[in-house]
Amino acid sequence: MDSAIEFRNRDSTCTVYIWDVDGAGNWYKYAHQPRNSSSWFYSLDRRNNGHSRCSEGAPINK
């Protein structure tokens, strides 16, 4: 958690959504990148508590 600073989505089907958690523990969508992205997304700033694929729904903590 919170260690990535960049990502690239090579998924041929889905958009990937990066999620963060606010001070109250609520999930919010921080970034997303469409399928088959050829470039890196550089501005995560270590704010990534989870990700989801194909769905804008927040990830489930297990």
C-alpha atoms as a PDB file:
ATOM      1  CA  MET A   1       0.000   0.000   0.000  1.00  0.00           C
ATOM      2  CA  ASP A   2       1.048   3.529  -0.766  1.00  0.00           C
ATOM      3  CA  SER A   3       4.296   2.464  -2.372  1.00  0.00           C
ATOM      4  CA  ALA A   4       3.669   2.876  -6.115  1.00  0.00           C
ATOM      5  CA  ILE A   5       4.514   6.150  -7.776  1.00  0.00           C
ATOM      6  CA  GLU A   6       3.644   5.143 -11.334  1.00  0.00           C
ATOM      7  CA  PHE A   7       1.771   2.492 -13.276  1.00  0.00           C
ATOM      8  CA  ARG A   8       0.903   1.402 -16.797  1.00  0.00           C
ATOM      9  CA  ASN A   9      -2.249  -0.457 -17.746  1.00  0.00           C
ATOM     10  CA  ARG A  10      -1.498  -3.200 -20.276  1.00  0.00           C
ATOM     11  CA  ASP A  11      -4.928  -4.813 -19.824  1.00  0.00           C
ATOM     12  CA  SER A  12      -6.535  -5.294 -23.255  1.00  0.00           C
ATOM     13  CA  THR A  13     -10.095  -5.253 -21.872  1.00  0.00           C
ATOM     14  CA  CYS A  14     -10.472  -2.911 -18.918  1.00  0.00           C
ATOM     15  CA  THR A  15      -9.664   0.422 -17.384  1.00  0.00           C
ATOM     16  CA  VAL A  16      -7.768   0.220 -14.079  1.00  0.00           C
ATOM     17  CA  TYR A  17      -8.804   2.490 -11.211  1.00  0.00           C
ATOM     18  CA  ILE A  18      -6.453   3.487  -8.385  1.00  0.00           C
ATOM     19  CA  TRP A  19      -8.048   4.175  -5.012  1.00  0.00           C
ATOM     20  CA  ASP A  20      -6.979   6.009  -1.885  1.00  0.00           C
ATOM     21  CA  VAL A  21      -8.502   6.298   1.578  1.00  0.00           C
ATOM     22  CA  ASP A  22      -9.252   9.609   3.242  1.00  0.00           C
ATOM     23  CA  GLY A  23      -8.699  10.419   6.913  1.00  0.00           C
ATOM     24  CA  ALA A  24     -12.153   9.053   7.790  1.00  0.00           C
ATOM     25  CA  GLY A  25     -11.444   5.709   6.107  1.00  0.00           C
ATOM     26  CA  ASN A  26     -13.610   6.333   3.045  1.00  0.00           C
ATOM     27  CA  TRP A  27     -12.447   5.147  -0.386  1.00  0.00           C
ATOM     28  CA  TYR A  28     -12.181   7.640  -3.229  1.00  0.00           C
ATOM     29  CA  LYS A  29     -11.006   7.237  -6.810  1.00  0.00           C
ATOM     30  CA  TYR A  30      -7.586   8.833  -7.101  1.00  0.00           C
ATOM     31  CA  ALA A  31      -6.597   7.993 -10.683  1.00  0.00           C
ATOM     32  CA  HIS A  32      -7.478   5.780 -13.619  1.00  0.00           C
ATOM     33  CA  GLN A  33      -5.895   4.698 -16.864  1.00  0.00           C
ATOM     34  CA  PRO A  34      -7.649   3.271 -19.936  1.00  0.00           C
ATOM     35  CA  ARG A  35      -6.929  -0.185 -21.343  1.00  0.00           C
ATOM     36  CA  ASN A  36      -3.857  -0.722 -23.501  1.00  0.00           C
ATOM     37  CA  SER A  37      -2.108   2.411 -22.276  1.00  0.00           C
ATOM     38  CA  SER A  38       1.275   2.784 -23.841  1.00  0.00           C
ATOM     39  CA  SER A  39       2.569   5.344 -21.365  1.00  0.00           C
ATOM     40  CA  TRP A  40       3.162   5.346 -17.634  1.00  0.00           C
ATOM     41  CA  PHE A  41       0.922   7.277 -15.280  1.00  0.00           C
ATOM     42  CA  TYR A  42       3.400   9.241 -13.164  1.00  0.00           C
ATOM     43  CA  SER A  43       1.453  11.227 -10.610  1.00  0.00           C
ATOM     44  CA  LEU A  44       0.313   8.651  -8.045  1.00  0.00           C
ATOM     45  CA  ASP A  45       2.479  10.336  -5.432  1.00  0.00           C
ATOM     46  CA  ARG A  46       2.409   7.150  -3.343  1.00  0.00           C
ATOM     47  CA  ARG A  47      -1.351   7.487  -2.849  1.00  0.00           C
ATOM     48  CA  ASN A  48      -2.650   4.057  -3.715  1.00  0.00           C
ATOM     49  CA  ASN A  49      -4.408   1.992  -1.111  1.00  0.00           C
ATOM     50  CA  GLY A  50      -6.019  -0.269  -3.668  1.00  0.00           C
ATOM     51  CA  HIS A  51      -7.004  -0.760  -7.268  1.00  0.00           C
ATOM     52  CA  SER A  52      -9.910  -2.205  -9.215  1.00  0.00           C
ATOM     53  CA  ARG A  53     -10.162  -3.505 -12.749  1.00  0.00           C
ATOM     54  CA  CYS A  54     -13.160  -3.022 -15.074  1.00  0.00           C
ATOM     55  CA  SER A  55     -15.229  -1.509 -12.265  1.00  0.00           C
ATOM     56  CA  GLU A  56     -15.344   1.914 -10.734  1.00  0.00           C
ATOM     57  CA  GLY A  57     -16.376   0.310  -7.443  1.00  0.00           C
ATOM     58  CA  ALA A  58     -13.934   0.629  -4.572  1.00  0.00           C
ATOM     59  CA  PRO A  59     -11.822  -2.428  -3.763  1.00  0.00           C
ATOM     60  CA  ILE A  60     -12.810  -4.636  -0.854  1.00  0.00           C
ATOM     61  CA  ASN A  61     -10.389  -4.876   2.058  1.00  0.00           C
ATOM     62  CA  LYS A  62      -9.807  -8.453   3.167  1.00  0.00           C
END
